[in-house]
């Protein structure tokens, strides 16, 4: 059975990934706070995970306890509307942290699970 780990699983595309993939294997849904719709799917949920936190990602790896992951879907992401007129470097930095660094952190931390 294939095991999928999906980040940003509480709504939108991540939730739909979980909905469809649960028919094909085991799903581990990673999010900060699970939505009622995610809970209703009956998949394994790893909640309270802030992917920008190195410690939270390490805690997730500990929770997984060596569980094999066949497919990692780095879906979590944010976008904020900024223009040159209202440029906010803190917002840009946050988007970069969530959209670029966090997936790399998660992937490298879970390499043992992906190689299992």
PDB file of N, CA and C in Angstrom:
ATOM      1  N   UNK A   1       0.845  -1.181   0.000  1.00  0.00           N
ATOM      2  CA  UNK A   1       0.000   0.000   0.000  1.00  0.00           C
ATOM      3  C   UNK A   1       0.892   1.246   0.000  1.00  0.00           C
ATOM      4  N   UNK A   2       0.560   2.194  -0.825  1.00  0.00           N
ATOM      5  CA  UNK A   2       1.326   3.431  -0.946  1.00  0.00           C
ATOM      6  C   UNK A   2       0.950   4.388   0.185  1.00  0.00           C
ATOM      7  N   UNK A   3       1.964   5.028   0.768  1.00  0.00           N
ATOM      8  CA  UNK A   3       1.738   6.026   1.810  1.00  0.00           C
ATOM      9  C   UNK A   3       2.080   7.402   1.260  1.00  0.00           C
ATOM     10  N   UNK A   4       1.118   8.314   1.374  1.00  0.00           N
ATOM     11  CA  UNK A   4       1.262   9.690   0.903  1.00  0.00           C
ATOM     12  C   UNK A   4       1.306  10.629   2.106  1.00  0.00           C
ATOM     13  N   UNK A   5       2.212  11.589   2.093  1.00  0.00           N
ATOM     14  CA  UNK A   5       2.213  12.653   3.090  1.00  0.00           C
ATOM     15  C   UNK A   5       1.929  13.952   2.346  1.00  0.00           C
ATOM     16  N   UNK A   6       0.874  14.640   2.777  1.00  0.00           N
ATOM     17  CA  UNK A   6       0.419  15.862   2.112  1.00  0.00           C
ATOM     18  C   UNK A   6       0.466  17.017   3.106  1.00  0.00           C
ATOM     19  N   UNK A   7       1.189  18.081   2.772  1.00  0.00           N
ATOM     20  CA  UNK A   7       1.197  19.270   3.624  1.00  0.00           C
ATOM     21  C   UNK A   7       0.124  20.245   3.149  1.00  0.00           C
ATOM     22  N   UNK A   8      -0.272  21.142   4.037  1.00  0.00           N
ATOM     23  CA  UNK A   8      -1.333  22.089   3.683  1.00  0.00           C
ATOM     24  C   UNK A   8      -2.630  21.363   3.413  1.00  0.00           C
ATOM     25  N   UNK A   9      -2.904  20.340   4.226  1.00  0.00           N
ATOM     26  CA  UNK A   9      -3.984  19.403   3.941  1.00  0.00           C
ATOM     27  C   UNK A   9      -5.347  19.817   4.478  1.00  0.00           C
ATOM     28  N   UNK A  10      -5.436  20.919   5.188  1.00  0.00           N
ATOM     29  CA  UNK A  10      -6.695  21.254   5.846  1.00  0.00           C
ATOM     30  C   UNK A  10      -7.754  21.870   4.933  1.00  0.00           C
ATOM     31  N   UNK A  11      -7.351  22.349   3.740  1.00  0.00           N
ATOM     32  CA  UNK A  11      -8.344  22.956   2.841  1.00  0.00           C
ATOM     33  C   UNK A  11      -7.780  23.008   1.422  1.00  0.00           C
ATOM     34  N   UNK A  12      -8.610  23.436   0.500  1.00  0.00           N
ATOM     35  CA  UNK A  12      -8.169  23.666  -0.877  1.00  0.00           C
ATOM     36  C   UNK A  12      -7.599  22.435  -1.561  1.00  0.00           C
ATOM     37  N   UNK A  13      -6.532  22.654  -2.294  1.00  0.00           N
ATOM     38  CA  UNK A  13      -5.908  21.578  -3.075  1.00  0.00           C
ATOM     39  C   UNK A  13      -5.401  20.465  -2.169  1.00  0.00           C
ATOM     40  N   UNK A  14      -4.828  20.822  -1.022  1.00  0.00           N
ATOM     41  CA  UNK A  14      -4.324  19.807  -0.095  1.00  0.00           C
ATOM     42  C   UNK A  14      -5.420  18.881   0.389  1.00  0.00           C
ATOM     43  N   UNK A  15      -6.570  19.447   0.723  1.00  0.00           N
ATOM     44  CA  UNK A  15      -7.713  18.641   1.159  1.00  0.00           C
ATOM     45  C   UNK A  15      -8.176  17.726   0.033  1.00  0.00           C
ATOM     46  N   UNK A  16      -8.218  18.248  -1.171  1.00  0.00           N
ATOM     47  CA  UNK A  16      -8.645  17.432  -2.313  1.00  0.00           C
ATOM     48  C   UNK A  16      -7.643  16.319  -2.602  1.00  0.00           C
ATOM     49  N   UNK A  17      -6.338  16.613  -2.480  1.00  0.00           N
ATOM     50  CA  UNK A  17      -5.340  15.540  -2.586  1.00  0.00           C
ATOM     51  C   UNK A  17      -5.679  14.419  -1.608  1.00  0.00           C
ATOM     52  N   UNK A  18      -5.929  14.784  -0.362  1.00  0.00           N
ATOM     53  CA  UNK A  18      -6.225  13.779   0.663  1.00  0.00           C
ATOM     54  C   UNK A  18      -7.477  12.988   0.311  1.00  0.00           C
ATOM     55  N   UNK A  19      -8.504  13.691  -0.133  1.00  0.00           N
ATOM     56  CA  UNK A  19      -9.766  13.045  -0.485  1.00  0.00           C
ATOM     57  C   UNK A  19      -9.549  11.996  -1.584  1.00  0.00           C
ATOM     58  N   UNK A  20      -8.783  12.346  -2.601  1.00  0.00           N
ATOM     59  CA  UNK A  20      -8.589  11.424  -3.716  1.00  0.00           C
ATOM     60  C   UNK A  20      -7.563  10.332  -3.414  1.00  0.00           C
ATOM     61  N   UNK A  21      -6.491  10.694  -2.709  1.00  0.00           N
ATOM     62  CA  UNK A  21      -5.421   9.725  -2.465  1.00  0.00           C
ATOM     63  C   UNK A  21      -5.792   8.666  -1.438  1.00  0.00           C
ATOM     64  N   UNK A  22      -6.738   8.950  -0.556  1.00  0.00           N
ATOM     65  CA  UNK A  22      -7.117   7.949   0.442  1.00  0.00           C
ATOM     66  C   UNK A  22      -7.728   6.712  -0.215  1.00  0.00           C
ATOM     67  N   UNK A  23      -8.198   6.861  -1.444  1.00  0.00           N
ATOM     68  CA  UNK A  23      -8.730   5.719  -2.190  1.00  0.00           C
ATOM     69  C   UNK A  23      -7.608   4.849  -2.752  1.00  0.00           C
ATOM     70  N   UNK A  24      -6.386   5.393  -2.778  1.00  0.00           N
ATOM     71  CA  UNK A  24      -5.259   4.679  -3.382  1.00  0.00           C
ATOM     72  C   UNK A  24      -4.243   4.181  -2.360  1.00  0.00           C
ATOM     73  N   UNK A  25      -4.373   4.610  -1.116  1.00  0.00           N
ATOM     74  CA  UNK A  25      -3.402   4.200  -0.108  1.00  0.00           C
ATOM     75  C   UNK A  25      -3.627   4.923   1.199  1.00  0.00           C
ATOM     76  N   UNK A  26      -2.586   4.944   2.016  1.00  0.00           N
ATOM     77  CA  UNK A  26      -2.648   5.603   3.316  1.00  0.00           C
ATOM     78  C   UNK A  26      -2.224   7.057   3.156  1.00  0.00           C
ATOM     79  N   UNK A  27      -2.947   7.959   3.814  1.00  0.00           N
ATOM     80  CA  UNK A  27      -2.658   9.389   3.728  1.00  0.00           C
ATOM     81  C   UNK A  27      -2.306   9.927   5.108  1.00  0.00           C
ATOM     82  N   UNK A  28      -1.200  10.666   5.162  1.00  0.00           N
ATOM     83  CA  UNK A  28      -0.828  11.418   6.357  1.00  0.00           C
ATOM     84  C   UNK A  28      -1.026  12.884   5.997  1.00  0.00           C
ATOM     85  N   UNK A  29      -1.998  13.507   6.626  1.00  0.00           N
ATOM     86  CA  UNK A  29      -2.357  14.895   6.338  1.00  0.00           C
ATOM     87  C   UNK A  29      -1.680  15.806   7.355  1.00  0.00           C
ATOM     88  N   UNK A  30      -0.825  16.704   6.880  1.00  0.00           N
ATOM     89  CA  UNK A  30      -0.079  17.605   7.757  1.00  0.00           C
ATOM     90  C   UNK A  30      -0.660  19.009   7.637  1.00  0.00           C
ATOM     91  N   UNK A  31      -0.923  19.623   8.798  1.00  0.00           N
ATOM     92  CA  UNK A  31      -1.473  20.974   8.806  1.00  0.00           C
ATOM     93  C   UNK A  31      -1.284  21.601  10.181  1.00  0.00           C
ATOM     94  N   UNK A  32      -1.570  22.886  10.252  1.00  0.00           N
ATOM     95  CA  UNK A  32      -1.545  23.563  11.558  1.00  0.00           C
ATOM     96  C   UNK A  32      -2.768  23.175  12.367  1.00  0.00           C
ATOM     97  N   UNK A  33      -3.941  23.338  11.768  1.00  0.00           N
ATOM     98  CA  UNK A  33      -5.178  22.975  12.466  1.00  0.00           C
ATOM     99  C   UNK A  33      -6.119  22.311  11.469  1.00  0.00           C
ATOM    100  N   UNK A  34      -6.548  21.098  11.776  1.00  0.00           N
ATOM    101  CA  UNK A  34      -7.389  20.358  10.834  1.00  0.00           C
ATOM    102  C   UNK A  34      -8.796  20.952  10.737  1.00  0.00           C
ATOM    103  N   UNK A  35      -9.291  21.015   9.530  1.00  0.00           N
ATOM    104  CA  UNK A  35     -10.655  21.488   9.299  1.00  0.00           C
ATOM    105  C   UNK A  35     -11.626  20.338   9.567  1.00  0.00           C
ATOM    106  N   UNK A  36     -12.897  20.654   9.798  1.00  0.00           N
ATOM    107  CA  UNK A  36     -13.892  19.590   9.955  1.00  0.00           C
ATOM    108  C   UNK A  36     -13.934  18.670   8.731  1.00  0.00           C
ATOM    109  N   UNK A  37     -13.731  19.245   7.539  1.00  0.00           N
ATOM    110  CA  UNK A  37     -13.749  18.433   6.313  1.00  0.00           C
ATOM    111  C   UNK A  37     -12.592  17.434   6.300  1.00  0.00           C
ATOM    112  N   UNK A  38     -11.425  17.850   6.768  1.00  0.00           N
ATOM    113  CA  UNK A  38     -10.280  16.938   6.826  1.00  0.00           C
ATOM    114  C   UNK A  38     -10.532  15.842   7.850  1.00  0.00           C
ATOM    115  N   UNK A  39     -11.037  16.215   9.006  1.00  0.00           N
ATOM    116  CA  UNK A  39     -11.332  15.219  10.043  1.00  0.00           C
ATOM    117  C   UNK A  39     -12.322  14.176   9.537  1.00  0.00           C
ATOM    118  N   UNK A  40     -13.289  14.616   8.735  1.00  0.00           N
ATOM    119  CA  UNK A  40     -14.321  13.715   8.224  1.00  0.00           C
ATOM    120  C   UNK A  40     -13.772  12.678   7.253  1.00  0.00           C
ATOM    121  N   UNK A  41     -12.602  12.929   6.674  1.00  0.00           N
ATOM    122  CA  UNK A  41     -12.030  11.983   5.708  1.00  0.00           C
ATOM    123  C   UNK A  41     -11.538  10.701   6.364  1.00  0.00           C
ATOM    124  N   UNK A  42     -11.199  10.770   7.639  1.00  0.00           N
ATOM    125  CA  UNK A  42     -10.715   9.574   8.324  1.00  0.00           C
ATOM    126  C   UNK A  42      -9.284   9.202   7.987  1.00  0.00           C
ATOM    127  N   UNK A  43      -8.490  10.179   7.587  1.00  0.00           N
ATOM    128  CA  UNK A  43      -7.075   9.922   7.302  1.00  0.00           C
ATOM    129  C   UNK A  43      -6.254  10.244   8.551  1.00  0.00           C
ATOM    130  N   UNK A  44      -5.010   9.791   8.574  1.00  0.00           N
ATOM    131  CA  UNK A  44      -4.104  10.116   9.676  1.00  0.00           C
ATOM    132  C   UNK A  44      -3.770  11.602   9.598  1.00  0.00           C
ATOM    133  N   UNK A  45      -3.943  12.315  10.706  1.00  0.00           N
ATOM    134  CA  UNK A  45      -3.701  13.758  10.722  1.00  0.00           C
ATOM    135  C   UNK A  45      -2.558  14.082  11.673  1.00  0.00           C
ATOM    136  N   UNK A  46      -1.589  14.830  11.165  1.00  0.00           N
ATOM    137  CA  UNK A  46      -0.510  15.380  11.989  1.00  0.00           C
ATOM    138  C   UNK A  46      -0.775  16.872  12.089  1.00  0.00           C
ATOM    139  N   UNK A  47      -1.391  17.285  13.194  1.00  0.00           N
ATOM    140  CA  UNK A  47      -1.797  18.679  13.367  1.00  0.00           C
ATOM    141  C   UNK A  47      -0.762  19.449  14.178  1.00  0.00           C
ATOM    142  N   UNK A  48      -0.970  20.746  14.252  1.00  0.00           N
ATOM    143  CA  UNK A  48      -0.093  21.653  15.006  1.00  0.00           C
ATOM    144  C   UNK A  48       1.324  21.678  14.447  1.00  0.00           C
ATOM    145  N   UNK A  49       1.446  21.540  13.139  1.00  0.00           N
ATOM    146  CA  UNK A  49       2.759  21.545  12.496  1.00  0.00           C
ATOM    147  C   UNK A  49       2.947  22.868  11.760  1.00  0.00           C
ATOM    148  N   UNK A  50       3.893  23.657  12.232  1.00  0.00           N
ATOM    149  CA  UNK A  50       4.306  24.889  11.558  1.00  0.00           C
ATOM    150  C   UNK A  50       5.558  24.539  10.764  1.00  0.00           C
ATOM    151  N   UNK A  51       5.423  24.408   9.474  1.00  0.00           N
ATOM    152  CA  UNK A  51       6.536  23.952   8.637  1.00  0.00           C
ATOM    153  C   UNK A  51       7.698  24.928   8.593  1.00  0.00           C
ATOM    154  N   UNK A  52       7.497  26.149   9.073  1.00  0.00           N
ATOM    155  CA  UNK A  52       8.615  27.096   9.129  1.00  0.00           C
ATOM    156  C   UNK A  52       9.435  26.919  10.400  1.00  0.00           C
ATOM    157  N   UNK A  53       8.968  26.068  11.290  1.00  0.00           N
ATOM    158  CA  UNK A  53       9.668  25.813  12.551  1.00  0.00           C
ATOM    159  C   UNK A  53      10.509  24.542  12.436  1.00  0.00           C
ATOM    160  N   UNK A  54      11.800  24.695  12.591  1.00  0.00           N
ATOM    161  CA  UNK A  54      12.690  23.533  12.533  1.00  0.00           C
ATOM    162  C   UNK A  54      12.293  22.501  13.583  1.00  0.00           C
ATOM    163  N   UNK A  55      11.948  22.961  14.775  1.00  0.00           N
ATOM    164  CA  UNK A  55      11.571  22.037  15.846  1.00  0.00           C
ATOM    165  C   UNK A  55      10.275  21.304  15.516  1.00  0.00           C
ATOM    166  N   UNK A  56       9.295  22.000  14.951  1.00  0.00           N
ATOM    167  CA  UNK A  56       8.026  21.360  14.594  1.00  0.00           C
ATOM    168  C   UNK A  56       8.236  20.282  13.543  1.00  0.00           C
ATOM    169  N   UNK A  57       9.117  20.529  12.593  1.00  0.00           N
ATOM    170  CA  UNK A  57       9.404  19.533  11.555  1.00  0.00           C
ATOM    171  C   UNK A  57      10.119  18.331  12.172  1.00  0.00           C
ATOM    172  N   UNK A  58      11.036  18.579  13.087  1.00  0.00           N
ATOM    173  CA  UNK A  58      11.697  17.470  13.796  1.00  0.00           C
ATOM    174  C   UNK A  58      10.681  16.676  14.611  1.00  0.00           C
ATOM    175  N   UNK A  59       9.748  17.383  15.246  1.00  0.00           N
ATOM    176  CA  UNK A  59       8.700  16.706  16.017  1.00  0.00           C
ATOM    177  C   UNK A  59       7.830  15.836  15.115  1.00  0.00           C
ATOM    178  N   UNK A  60       7.536  16.313  13.919  1.00  0.00           N
ATOM    179  CA  UNK A  60       6.774  15.511  12.967  1.00  0.00           C
ATOM    180  C   UNK A  60       7.531  14.236  12.631  1.00  0.00           C
ATOM    181  N   UNK A  61       8.820  14.349  12.369  1.00  0.00           N
ATOM    182  CA  UNK A  61       9.627  13.165  12.066  1.00  0.00           C
ATOM    183  C   UNK A  61       9.596  12.184  13.233  1.00  0.00           C
ATOM    184  N   UNK A  62       9.649  12.708  14.443  1.00  0.00           N
ATOM    185  CA  UNK A  62       9.574  11.844  15.627  1.00  0.00           C
ATOM    186  C   UNK A  62       8.221  11.150  15.694  1.00  0.00           C
ATOM    187  N   UNK A  63       7.147  11.882  15.439  1.00  0.00           N
ATOM    188  CA  UNK A  63       5.799  11.294  15.437  1.00  0.00           C
ATOM    189  C   UNK A  63       5.685  10.171  14.412  1.00  0.00           C
ATOM    190  N   UNK A  64       6.327  10.366  13.271  1.00  0.00           N
ATOM    191  CA  UNK A  64       6.244   9.358  12.208  1.00  0.00           C
ATOM    192  C   UNK A  64       7.010   8.092  12.576  1.00  0.00           C
ATOM    193  N   UNK A  65       7.992   8.214  13.472  1.00  0.00           N
ATOM    194  CA  UNK A  65       8.695   7.060  14.018  1.00  0.00           C
ATOM    195  C   UNK A  65       9.194   6.096  12.936  1.00  0.00           C
ATOM    196  N   UNK A  66       9.814   6.653  11.901  1.00  0.00           N
ATOM    197  CA  UNK A  66      10.389   5.813  10.852  1.00  0.00           C
ATOM    198  C   UNK A  66       9.399   5.294   9.823  1.00  0.00           C
ATOM    199  N   UNK A  67       8.141   5.700   9.921  1.00  0.00           N
ATOM    200  CA  UNK A  67       7.117   5.235   8.978  1.00  0.00           C
ATOM    201  C   UNK A  67       7.530   5.565   7.550  1.00  0.00           C
ATOM    202  N   UNK A  68       7.413   4.589   6.669  1.00  0.00           N
ATOM    203  CA  UNK A  68       7.787   4.777   5.265  1.00  0.00           C
ATOM    204  C   UNK A  68       6.812   5.734   4.588  1.00  0.00           C
ATOM    205  N   UNK A  69       7.365   6.655   3.815  1.00  0.00           N
ATOM    206  CA  UNK A  69       6.571   7.568   2.993  1.00  0.00           C
ATOM    207  C   UNK A  69       6.970   7.326   1.543  1.00  0.00           C
ATOM    208  N   UNK A  70       6.004   6.956   0.737  1.00  0.00           N
ATOM    209  CA  UNK A  70       6.278   6.700  -0.678  1.00  0.00           C
ATOM    210  C   UNK A  70       6.226   7.980  -1.504  1.00  0.00           C
ATOM    211  N   UNK A  71       5.285   8.864  -1.168  1.00  0.00           N
ATOM    212  CA  UNK A  71       5.093  10.092  -1.939  1.00  0.00           C
ATOM    213  C   UNK A  71       4.931  11.259  -0.965  1.00  0.00           C
ATOM    214  N   UNK A  72       5.778  12.267  -1.127  1.00  0.00           N
ATOM    215  CA  UNK A  72       5.696  13.493  -0.327  1.00  0.00           C
ATOM    216  C   UNK A  72       5.165  14.607  -1.224  1.00  0.00           C
ATOM    217  N   UNK A  73       4.049  15.190  -0.831  1.00  0.00           N
ATOM    218  CA  UNK A  73       3.458  16.284  -1.597  1.00  0.00           C
ATOM    219  C   UNK A  73       3.584  17.562  -0.771  1.00  0.00           C
ATOM    220  N   UNK A  74       4.542  18.400  -1.143  1.00  0.00           N
ATOM    221  CA  UNK A  74       4.765  19.686  -0.478  1.00  0.00           C
ATOM    222  C   UNK A  74       3.776  20.697  -1.051  1.00  0.00           C
ATOM    223  N   UNK A  75       2.577  20.705  -0.502  1.00  0.00           N
ATOM    224  CA  UNK A  75       1.498  21.542  -1.008  1.00  0.00           C
ATOM    225  C   UNK A  75       1.324  22.841  -0.219  1.00  0.00           C
ATOM    226  N   UNK A  76       1.761  22.879   1.022  1.00  0.00           N
ATOM    227  CA  UNK A  76       1.551  24.066   1.862  1.00  0.00           C
ATOM    228  C   UNK A  76       2.209  25.283   1.225  1.00  0.00           C
ATOM    229  N   UNK A  77       1.518  26.386   1.264  1.00  0.00           N
ATOM    230  CA  UNK A  77       2.072  27.610   0.698  1.00  0.00           C
ATOM    231  C   UNK A  77       1.179  28.797   0.993  1.00  0.00           C
ATOM    232  N   UNK A  78       1.755  29.976   0.843  1.00  0.00           N
ATOM    233  CA  UNK A  78       0.992  31.207   1.045  1.00  0.00           C
ATOM    234  C   UNK A  78       1.333  32.190  -0.065  1.00  0.00           C
ATOM    235  N   UNK A  79       0.427  33.114  -0.288  1.00  0.00           N
ATOM    236  CA  UNK A  79       0.696  34.221  -1.202  1.00  0.00           C
ATOM    237  C   UNK A  79      -0.032  35.446  -0.659  1.00  0.00           C
ATOM    238  N   UNK A  80       0.665  36.534  -0.660  1.00  0.00           N
ATOM    239  CA  UNK A  80       0.086  37.794  -0.219  1.00  0.00           C
ATOM    240  C   UNK A  80       0.264  38.798  -1.346  1.00  0.00           C
ATOM    241  N   UNK A  81      -0.763  39.565  -1.578  1.00  0.00           N
ATOM    242  CA  UNK A  81      -0.702  40.562  -2.649  1.00  0.00           C
ATOM    243  C   UNK A  81       0.129  41.753  -2.205  1.00  0.00           C
ATOM    244  N   UNK A  82       1.218  41.965  -2.891  1.00  0.00           N
ATOM    245  CA  UNK A  82       2.045  43.147  -2.635  1.00  0.00           C
ATOM    246  C   UNK A  82       2.407  43.763  -3.980  1.00  0.00           C
ATOM    247  N   UNK A  83       2.475  45.049  -3.986  1.00  0.00           N
ATOM    248  CA  UNK A  83       2.898  45.775  -5.179  1.00  0.00           C
ATOM    249  C   UNK A  83       4.114  46.607  -4.805  1.00  0.00           C
ATOM    250  N   UNK A  84       4.719  47.207  -5.784  1.00  0.00           N
ATOM    251  CA  UNK A  84       5.861  48.069  -5.492  1.00  0.00           C
ATOM    252  C   UNK A  84       5.459  49.247  -4.611  1.00  0.00           C
ATOM    253  N   UNK A  85       4.199  49.666  -4.740  1.00  0.00           N
ATOM    254  CA  UNK A  85       3.725  50.783  -3.927  1.00  0.00           C
ATOM    255  C   UNK A  85       3.555  50.408  -2.459  1.00  0.00           C
ATOM    256  N   UNK A  86       3.223  49.160  -2.192  1.00  0.00           N
ATOM    257  CA  UNK A  86       3.025  48.743  -0.796  1.00  0.00           C
ATOM    258  C   UNK A  86       3.942  47.576  -0.429  1.00  0.00           C
ATOM    259  N   UNK A  87       5.134  47.600  -0.953  1.00  0.00           N
ATOM    260  CA  UNK A  87       6.105  46.535  -0.727  1.00  0.00           C
ATOM    261  C   UNK A  87       6.377  46.347   0.763  1.00  0.00           C
ATOM    262  N   UNK A  88       6.234  45.114   1.200  1.00  0.00           N
ATOM    263  CA  UNK A  88       6.442  44.777   2.608  1.00  0.00           C
ATOM    264  C   UNK A  88       7.441  43.625   2.661  1.00  0.00           C
ATOM    265  N   UNK A  89       8.677  43.945   3.016  1.00  0.00           N
ATOM    266  CA  UNK A  89       9.726  42.931   3.003  1.00  0.00           C
ATOM    267  C   UNK A  89       9.487  41.827   4.029  1.00  0.00           C
ATOM    268  N   UNK A  90       8.826  42.130   5.124  1.00  0.00           N
ATOM    269  CA  UNK A  90       8.507  41.088   6.103  1.00  0.00           C
ATOM    270  C   UNK A  90       7.561  40.062   5.481  1.00  0.00           C
ATOM    271  N   UNK A  91       6.599  40.536   4.710  1.00  0.00           N
ATOM    272  CA  UNK A  91       5.670  39.644   4.029  1.00  0.00           C
ATOM    273  C   UNK A  91       6.391  38.797   2.984  1.00  0.00           C
ATOM    274  N   UNK A  92       7.260  39.408   2.231  1.00  0.00           N
ATOM    275  CA  UNK A  92       8.018  38.673   1.211  1.00  0.00           C
ATOM    276  C   UNK A  92       8.909  37.626   1.872  1.00  0.00           C
ATOM    277  N   UNK A  93       9.549  38.002   2.957  1.00  0.00           N
ATOM    278  CA  UNK A  93      10.410  37.072   3.695  1.00  0.00           C
ATOM    279  C   UNK A  93       9.589  35.881   4.205  1.00  0.00           C
ATOM    280  N   UNK A  94       8.391  36.148   4.731  1.00  0.00           N
ATOM    281  CA  UNK A  94       7.509  35.088   5.239  1.00  0.00           C
ATOM    282  C   UNK A  94       7.089  34.157   4.098  1.00  0.00           C
ATOM    283  N   UNK A  95       6.728  34.722   2.961  1.00  0.00           N
ATOM    284  CA  UNK A  95       6.346  33.893   1.818  1.00  0.00           C
ATOM    285  C   UNK A  95       7.507  33.008   1.374  1.00  0.00           C
ATOM    286  N   UNK A  96       8.697  33.560   1.345  1.00  0.00           N
ATOM    287  CA  UNK A  96       9.873  32.783   0.946  1.00  0.00           C
ATOM    288  C   UNK A  96      10.127  31.658   1.946  1.00  0.00           C
ATOM    289  N   UNK A  97       9.989  31.958   3.213  1.00  0.00           N
ATOM    290  CA  UNK A  97      10.184  30.945   4.257  1.00  0.00           C
ATOM    291  C   UNK A  97       9.194  29.788   4.089  1.00  0.00           C
ATOM    292  N   UNK A  98       7.918  30.124   3.887  1.00  0.00           N
ATOM    293  CA  UNK A  98       6.878  29.096   3.767  1.00  0.00           C
ATOM    294  C   UNK A  98       6.973  28.350   2.441  1.00  0.00           C
ATOM    295  N   UNK A  99       7.171  29.073   1.349  1.00  0.00           N
ATOM    296  CA  UNK A  99       7.068  28.481   0.016  1.00  0.00           C
ATOM    297  C   UNK A  99       8.353  27.850  -0.504  1.00  0.00           C
ATOM    298  N   UNK A 100       9.507  28.245   0.022  1.00  0.00           N
ATOM    299  CA  UNK A 100      10.780  27.725  -0.500  1.00  0.00           C
ATOM    300  C   UNK A 100      11.585  26.975   0.556  1.00  0.00           C
ATOM    301  N   UNK A 101      11.800  27.603   1.693  1.00  0.00           N
ATOM    302  CA  UNK A 101      12.659  26.980   2.702  1.00  0.00           C
ATOM    303  C   UNK A 101      11.950  25.830   3.415  1.00  0.00           C
ATOM    304  N   UNK A 102      10.695  26.018   3.781  1.00  0.00           N
ATOM    305  CA  UNK A 102       9.965  24.976   4.512  1.00  0.00           C
ATOM    306  C   UNK A 102       9.898  23.650   3.749  1.00  0.00           C
ATOM    307  N   UNK A 103       9.596  23.640   2.449  1.00  0.00           N
ATOM    308  CA  UNK A 103       9.591  22.356   1.737  1.00  0.00           C
ATOM    309  C   UNK A 103      10.965  21.678   1.725  1.00  0.00           C
ATOM    310  N   UNK A 104      12.018  22.474   1.607  1.00  0.00           N
ATOM    311  CA  UNK A 104      13.369  21.894   1.657  1.00  0.00           C
ATOM    312  C   UNK A 104      13.659  21.313   3.029  1.00  0.00           C
ATOM    313  N   UNK A 105      13.284  22.041   4.072  1.00  0.00           N
ATOM    314  CA  UNK A 105      13.492  21.559   5.444  1.00  0.00           C
ATOM    315  C   UNK A 105      12.745  20.249   5.662  1.00  0.00           C
ATOM    316  N   UNK A 106      11.488  20.209   5.258  1.00  0.00           N
ATOM    317  CA  UNK A 106      10.682  19.007   5.451  1.00  0.00           C
ATOM    318  C   UNK A 106      11.254  17.831   4.665  1.00  0.00           C
ATOM    319  N   UNK A 107      11.586  18.071   3.419  1.00  0.00           N
ATOM    320  CA  UNK A 107      12.104  16.994   2.570  1.00  0.00           C
ATOM    321  C   UNK A 107      13.401  16.425   3.127  1.00  0.00           C
ATOM    322  N   UNK A 108      14.332  17.280   3.508  1.00  0.00           N
ATOM    323  CA  UNK A 108      15.606  16.771   4.031  1.00  0.00           C
ATOM    324  C   UNK A 108      15.413  16.069   5.369  1.00  0.00           C
ATOM    325  N   UNK A 109      14.510  16.566   6.195  1.00  0.00           N
ATOM    326  CA  UNK A 109      14.262  15.926   7.488  1.00  0.00           C
ATOM    327  C   UNK A 109      13.627  14.555   7.317  1.00  0.00           C
ATOM    328  N   UNK A 110      12.772  14.404   6.310  1.00  0.00           N
ATOM    329  CA  UNK A 110      12.066  13.137   6.108  1.00  0.00           C
ATOM    330  C   UNK A 110      12.770  12.197   5.132  1.00  0.00           C
ATOM    331  N   UNK A 111      13.974  12.532   4.710  1.00  0.00           N
ATOM    332  CA  UNK A 111      14.700  11.640   3.792  1.00  0.00           C
ATOM    333  C   UNK A 111      14.779  10.200   4.294  1.00  0.00           C
ATOM    334  N   UNK A 112      15.046   9.963   5.580  1.00  0.00           N
ATOM    335  CA  UNK A 112      15.069   8.565   6.039  1.00  0.00           C
ATOM    336  C   UNK A 112      13.736   7.851   5.820  1.00  0.00           C
ATOM    337  N   UNK A 113      12.621   8.571   5.962  1.00  0.00           N
ATOM    338  CA  UNK A 113      11.304   7.977   5.726  1.00  0.00           C
ATOM    339  C   UNK A 113      11.069   7.727   4.244  1.00  0.00           C
ATOM    340  N   UNK A 114      11.598   8.605   3.416  1.00  0.00           N
ATOM    341  CA  UNK A 114      11.425   8.465   1.972  1.00  0.00           C
ATOM    342  C   UNK A 114      12.312   7.368   1.406  1.00  0.00           C
ATOM    343  N   UNK A 115      13.449   7.138   2.044  1.00  0.00           N
ATOM    344  CA  UNK A 115      14.379   6.096   1.598  1.00  0.00           C
ATOM    345  C   UNK A 115      14.047   4.733   2.178  1.00  0.00           C
ATOM    346  N   UNK A 116      13.155   4.694   3.169  1.00  0.00           N
ATOM    347  CA  UNK A 116      12.854   3.444   3.885  1.00  0.00           C
ATOM    348  C   UNK A 116      12.310   2.380   2.961  1.00  0.00           C
TER     349      UNK A 116
END
